[in-house]
C-alpha atoms as a PDB file:
ATOM      1  CA  UNK A   1     -39.821 -87.991  30.391  1.00  0.00           C
ATOM      2  CA  UNK A   2     -41.178 -84.638  31.633  1.00  0.00           C
ATOM      3  CA  UNK A   3     -37.699 -83.103  31.848  1.00  0.00           C
ATOM      4  CA  UNK A   4     -36.877 -84.439  28.388  1.00  0.00           C
ATOM      5  CA  UNK A   5     -40.086 -82.899  27.022  1.00  0.00           C
ATOM      6  CA  UNK A   6     -39.243 -79.577  28.695  1.00  0.00           C
ATOM      7  CA  UNK A   7     -35.710 -79.780  27.309  1.00  0.00           C
ATOM      8  CA  UNK A   8     -36.708 -80.482  23.719  1.00  0.00           C
ATOM      9  CA  UNK A   9     -39.426 -77.835  23.679  1.00  0.00           C
ATOM     10  CA  UNK A  10     -36.998 -75.283  25.126  1.00  0.00           C
ATOM     11  CA  UNK A  11     -34.308 -76.329  22.649  1.00  0.00           C
ATOM     12  CA  UNK A  12     -36.695 -75.866  19.721  1.00  0.00           C
ATOM     13  CA  UNK A  13     -37.816 -72.437  20.879  1.00  0.00           C
ATOM     14  CA  UNK A  14     -34.328 -71.238  21.757  1.00  0.00           C
ATOM     15  CA  UNK A  15     -32.802 -72.489  18.503  1.00  0.00           C
ATOM     16  CA  UNK A  16     -35.214 -70.493  16.370  1.00  0.00           C
ATOM     17  CA  UNK A  17     -35.145 -67.430  18.626  1.00  0.00           C
ATOM     18  CA  UNK A  18     -31.372 -67.716  19.087  1.00  0.00           C
ATOM     19  CA  UNK A  19     -30.740 -67.650  15.346  1.00  0.00           C
ATOM     20  CA  UNK A  20     -32.684 -64.420  15.085  1.00  0.00           C
ATOM     21  CA  UNK A  21     -31.059 -63.000  18.206  1.00  0.00           C
ATOM     22  CA  UNK A  22     -27.588 -63.822  16.896  1.00  0.00           C
ATOM     23  CA  UNK A  23     -28.288 -62.024  13.643  1.00  0.00           C
ATOM     24  CA  UNK A  24     -29.634 -59.040  15.584  1.00  0.00           C
ATOM     25  CA  UNK A  25     -26.446 -58.992  17.671  1.00  0.00           C
ATOM     26  CA  UNK A  26     -24.399 -58.428  14.498  1.00  0.00           C
ATOM     27  CA  UNK A  27     -26.367 -55.261  13.741  1.00  0.00           C
ATOM     28  CA  UNK A  28     -24.594 -51.987  13.050  1.00  0.00           C
ATOM     29  CA  UNK A  29     -27.070 -50.131  15.304  1.00  0.00           C
ATOM     30  CA  UNK A  30     -25.272 -49.441  18.592  1.00  0.00           C
ATOM     31  CA  UNK A  31     -28.498 -49.254  20.623  1.00  0.00           C
ATOM     32  CA  UNK A  32     -29.643 -52.688  19.432  1.00  0.00           C
ATOM     33  CA  UNK A  33     -26.228 -54.201  20.130  1.00  0.00           C
ATOM     34  CA  UNK A  34     -26.121 -52.557  23.567  1.00  0.00           C
ATOM     35  CA  UNK A  35     -29.617 -53.803  24.524  1.00  0.00           C
ATOM     36  CA  UNK A  36     -28.872 -57.322  23.286  1.00  0.00           C
ATOM     37  CA  UNK A  37     -25.623 -57.374  25.295  1.00  0.00           C
ATOM     38  CA  UNK A  38     -27.529 -56.377  28.442  1.00  0.00           C
ATOM     39  CA  UNK A  39     -29.995 -59.241  27.881  1.00  0.00           C
ATOM     40  CA  UNK A  40     -27.187 -61.692  27.139  1.00  0.00           C
ATOM     41  CA  UNK A  41     -25.063 -60.761  30.139  1.00  0.00           C
ATOM     42  CA  UNK A  42     -28.045 -60.651  32.513  1.00  0.00           C
ATOM     43  CA  UNK A  43     -29.169 -64.134  31.526  1.00  0.00           C
ATOM     44  CA  UNK A  44     -25.597 -65.450  31.694  1.00  0.00           C
ATOM     45  CA  UNK A  45     -24.797 -63.944  35.101  1.00  0.00           C
ATOM     46  CA  UNK A  46     -27.921 -65.195  36.884  1.00  0.00           C
ATOM     47  CA  UNK A  47     -27.816 -68.975  37.520  1.00  0.00           C
ATOM     48  CA  UNK A  48     -30.621 -71.033  35.990  1.00  0.00           C
ATOM     49  CA  UNK A  49     -31.823 -72.148  39.420  1.00  0.00           C
ATOM     50  CA  UNK A  50     -32.276 -68.530  40.510  1.00  0.00           C
ATOM     51  CA  UNK A  51     -34.148 -67.777  37.272  1.00  0.00           C
ATOM     52  CA  UNK A  52     -36.403 -70.789  37.889  1.00  0.00           C
ATOM     53  CA  UNK A  53     -37.161 -69.592  41.417  1.00  0.00           C
ATOM     54  CA  UNK A  54     -37.791 -66.029  40.211  1.00  0.00           C
ATOM     55  CA  UNK A  55     -40.218 -67.113  37.511  1.00  0.00           C
ATOM     56  CA  UNK A  56     -41.992 -69.784  39.530  1.00  0.00           C
ATOM     57  CA  UNK A  57     -42.148 -68.224  42.996  1.00  0.00           C
ATOM     58  CA  UNK A  58     -41.480 -64.558  42.179  1.00  0.00           C
ATOM     59  CA  UNK A  59     -44.296 -64.165  39.658  1.00  0.00           C
ATOM     60  CA  UNK A  60     -46.758 -65.732  42.080  1.00  0.00           C
ATOM     61  CA  UNK A  61     -45.821 -63.450  44.960  1.00  0.00           C
ATOM     62  CA  UNK A  62     -44.937 -60.270  43.119  1.00  0.00           C
ATOM     63  CA  UNK A  63     -47.630 -60.154  40.463  1.00  0.00           C
ATOM     64  CA  UNK A  64     -50.224 -62.734  41.566  1.00  0.00           C
ATOM     65  CA  UNK A  65     -49.520 -64.785  38.448  1.00  0.00           C
ATOM     66  CA  UNK A  66     -49.627 -68.513  39.059  1.00  0.00           C
ATOM     67  CA  UNK A  67     -47.921 -70.563  36.377  1.00  0.00           C
ATOM     68  CA  UNK A  68     -47.127 -74.246  36.379  1.00  0.00           C
ATOM     69  CA  UNK A  69     -43.629 -75.480  37.052  1.00  0.00           C
ATOM     70  CA  UNK A  70     -43.416 -76.852  33.529  1.00  0.00           C
ATOM     71  CA  UNK A  71     -44.275 -73.487  31.976  1.00  0.00           C
ATOM     72  CA  UNK A  72     -41.805 -71.668  34.238  1.00  0.00           C
ATOM     73  CA  UNK A  73     -39.096 -74.148  33.238  1.00  0.00           C
ATOM     74  CA  UNK A  74     -39.855 -73.778  29.522  1.00  0.00           C
ATOM     75  CA  UNK A  75     -39.735 -69.974  29.799  1.00  0.00           C
ATOM     76  CA  UNK A  76     -36.475 -69.957  31.773  1.00  0.00           C
ATOM     77  CA  UNK A  77     -34.698 -72.526  29.614  1.00  0.00           C
ATOM     78  CA  UNK A  78     -35.921 -70.832  26.437  1.00  0.00           C
ATOM     79  CA  UNK A  79     -34.632 -67.437  27.623  1.00  0.00           C
ATOM     80  CA  UNK A  80     -31.315 -68.988  28.620  1.00  0.00           C
ATOM     81  CA  UNK A  81     -30.999 -71.045  25.437  1.00  0.00           C
ATOM     82  CA  UNK A  82     -31.893 -68.049  23.263  1.00  0.00           C
ATOM     83  CA  UNK A  83     -29.164 -65.953  24.881  1.00  0.00           C
ATOM     84  CA  UNK A  84     -26.571 -68.702  24.572  1.00  0.00           C
ATOM     85  CA  UNK A  85     -27.530 -69.685  21.011  1.00  0.00           C
ATOM     86  CA  UNK A  86     -27.607 -66.046  19.979  1.00  0.00           C
ATOM     87  CA  UNK A  87     -24.073 -65.559  21.231  1.00  0.00           C
ATOM     88  CA  UNK A  88     -22.940 -68.700  19.405  1.00  0.00           C
ATOM     89  CA  UNK A  89     -24.531 -67.479  16.166  1.00  0.00           C
ATOM     90  CA  UNK A  90     -22.996 -64.026  16.607  1.00  0.00           C
ATOM     91  CA  UNK A  91     -19.593 -65.588  17.162  1.00  0.00           C
ATOM     92  CA  UNK A  92     -19.931 -67.836  14.126  1.00  0.00           C
ATOM     93  CA  UNK A  93     -20.971 -64.930  11.890  1.00  0.00           C
ATOM     94  CA  UNK A  94     -18.272 -62.554  13.109  1.00  0.00           C
ATOM     95  CA  UNK A  95     -15.589 -65.252  12.816  1.00  0.00           C
ATOM     96  CA  UNK A  96     -16.040 -65.323   9.041  1.00  0.00           C
ATOM     97  CA  UNK A  97     -13.453 -63.251   7.205  1.00  0.00           C
ATOM     98  CA  UNK A  98     -14.788 -59.940   5.909  1.00  0.00           C
ATOM     99  CA  UNK A  99     -13.680 -60.791   2.393  1.00  0.00           C
ATOM    100  CA  UNK A 100     -16.375 -63.512   2.257  1.00  0.00           C
ATOM    101  CA  UNK A 101     -19.023 -60.806   2.441  1.00  0.00           C
ATOM    102  CA  UNK A 102     -17.170 -58.459   0.106  1.00  0.00           C
ATOM    103  CA  UNK A 103     -16.512 -61.181  -2.484  1.00  0.00           C
ATOM    104  CA  UNK A 104     -20.153 -62.227  -2.576  1.00  0.00           C
ATOM    105  CA  UNK A 105     -21.311 -58.656  -3.042  1.00  0.00           C
ATOM    106  CA  UNK A 106     -18.637 -58.071  -5.718  1.00  0.00           C
ATOM    107  CA  UNK A 107     -19.958 -61.091  -7.634  1.00  0.00           C
ATOM    108  CA  UNK A 108     -23.348 -59.412  -7.774  1.00  0.00           C
ATOM    109  CA  UNK A 109     -25.150 -61.430  -5.114  1.00  0.00           C
ATOM    110  CA  UNK A 110     -27.855 -59.575  -3.250  1.00  0.00           C
ATOM    111  CA  UNK A 111     -27.888 -59.825   0.558  1.00  0.00           C
ATOM    112  CA  UNK A 112     -30.398 -62.677   0.607  1.00  0.00           C
ATOM    113  CA  UNK A 113     -28.407 -64.771  -1.895  1.00  0.00           C
ATOM    114  CA  UNK A 114     -25.147 -63.919  -0.161  1.00  0.00           C
ATOM    115  CA  UNK A 115     -26.440 -65.252   3.140  1.00  0.00           C
ATOM    116  CA  UNK A 116     -28.184 -68.261   1.598  1.00  0.00           C
ATOM    117  CA  UNK A 117     -25.324 -69.561  -0.544  1.00  0.00           C
ATOM    118  CA  UNK A 118     -22.166 -68.213   1.088  1.00  0.00           C
ATOM    119  CA  UNK A 119     -22.576 -67.153   4.704  1.00  0.00           C
ATOM    120  CA  UNK A 120     -25.112 -69.583   6.203  1.00  0.00           C
ATOM    121  CA  UNK A 121     -23.372 -72.801   5.027  1.00  0.00           C
ATOM    122  CA  UNK A 122     -20.112 -71.635   6.598  1.00  0.00           C
ATOM    123  CA  UNK A 123     -21.823 -70.432   9.757  1.00  0.00           C
ATOM    124  CA  UNK A 124     -23.598 -73.783  10.178  1.00  0.00           C
ATOM    125  CA  UNK A 125     -20.294 -75.659   9.968  1.00  0.00           C
ATOM    126  CA  UNK A 126     -18.826 -73.462  12.681  1.00  0.00           C
ATOM    127  CA  UNK A 127     -21.993 -73.484  14.779  1.00  0.00           C
ATOM    128  CA  UNK A 128     -22.889 -77.188  14.836  1.00  0.00           C
ATOM    129  CA  UNK A 129     -20.365 -78.449  17.444  1.00  0.00           C
ATOM    130  CA  UNK A 130     -21.140 -75.569  19.794  1.00  0.00           C
ATOM    131  CA  UNK A 131     -24.887 -76.015  19.336  1.00  0.00           C
ATOM    132  CA  UNK A 132     -24.597 -79.713  20.210  1.00  0.00           C
ATOM    133  CA  UNK A 133     -22.737 -78.720  23.381  1.00  0.00           C
ATOM    134  CA  UNK A 134     -25.516 -76.246  24.267  1.00  0.00           C
ATOM    135  CA  UNK A 135     -28.207 -78.891  23.695  1.00  0.00           C
ATOM    136  CA  UNK A 136     -26.333 -81.261  26.008  1.00  0.00           C
ATOM    137  CA  UNK A 137     -26.065 -78.572  28.701  1.00  0.00           C
ATOM    138  CA  UNK A 138     -29.780 -77.770  28.395  1.00  0.00           C
ATOM    139  CA  UNK A 139     -30.756 -81.420  28.803  1.00  0.00           C
ATOM    140  CA  UNK A 140     -28.486 -81.785  31.837  1.00  0.00           C
ATOM    141  CA  UNK A 141     -29.685 -78.536  33.415  1.00  0.00           C
ATOM    142  CA  UNK A 142     -33.332 -79.509  33.013  1.00  0.00           C
ATOM    143  CA  UNK A 143     -32.943 -81.749  36.061  1.00  0.00           C
ATOM    144  CA  UNK A 144     -33.227 -78.566  38.174  1.00  0.00           C
ATOM    145  CA  UNK A 145     -36.984 -78.467  37.546  1.00  0.00           C
ATOM    146  CA  UNK A 146     -37.551 -80.946  40.346  1.00  0.00           C
ATOM    147  CA  UNK A 147     -36.651 -78.127  42.771  1.00  0.00           C
ATOM    148  CA  UNK A 148     -39.753 -76.154  41.730  1.00  0.00           C
ATOM    149  CA  UNK A 149     -42.037 -79.150  42.090  1.00  0.00           C
ATOM    150  CA  UNK A 150     -42.054 -80.647  38.600  1.00  0.00           C
ATOM    151  CA  UNK A 151     -42.421 -84.371  39.146  1.00  0.00           C
ATOM    152  CA  UNK A 152     -40.992 -86.924  36.744  1.00  0.00           C
ATOM    153  CA  UNK A 153     -43.816 -89.355  36.007  1.00  0.00           C
ATOM    154  CA  UNK A 154     -43.338 -92.544  34.010  1.00  0.00           C
END
């Protein structure tokens, strides 16, 4: 039940943060896109177990910050989930044909209405299967928390 609690809390945080991160990744600003790619690739390259060890053991030794195993797991899985969800959102947004945006603007919709009535419904349809896959991976990966001393108590 502890790993499930960690999973669902991390999923909630990373879903909200990932939606924002995915929108940021579609920015026209090259610096923002470059920085977000560095974050995304760094989180993707480093295995979750290494991230757990870095946050749990590394913070204690390197900075004299003692955090619980549960908090370290929530931070790591939220960072990982945010990166993954952000990339899924970016992919869903960029997979829409450009004429969807142009047509909405030509009809006189402002940006907010365009996203609310045209873009977001289509993005959600494309995003849902991939998001379910990510949630499943996060729940399965949460079993790694036992390696940093988080005990499953009934």
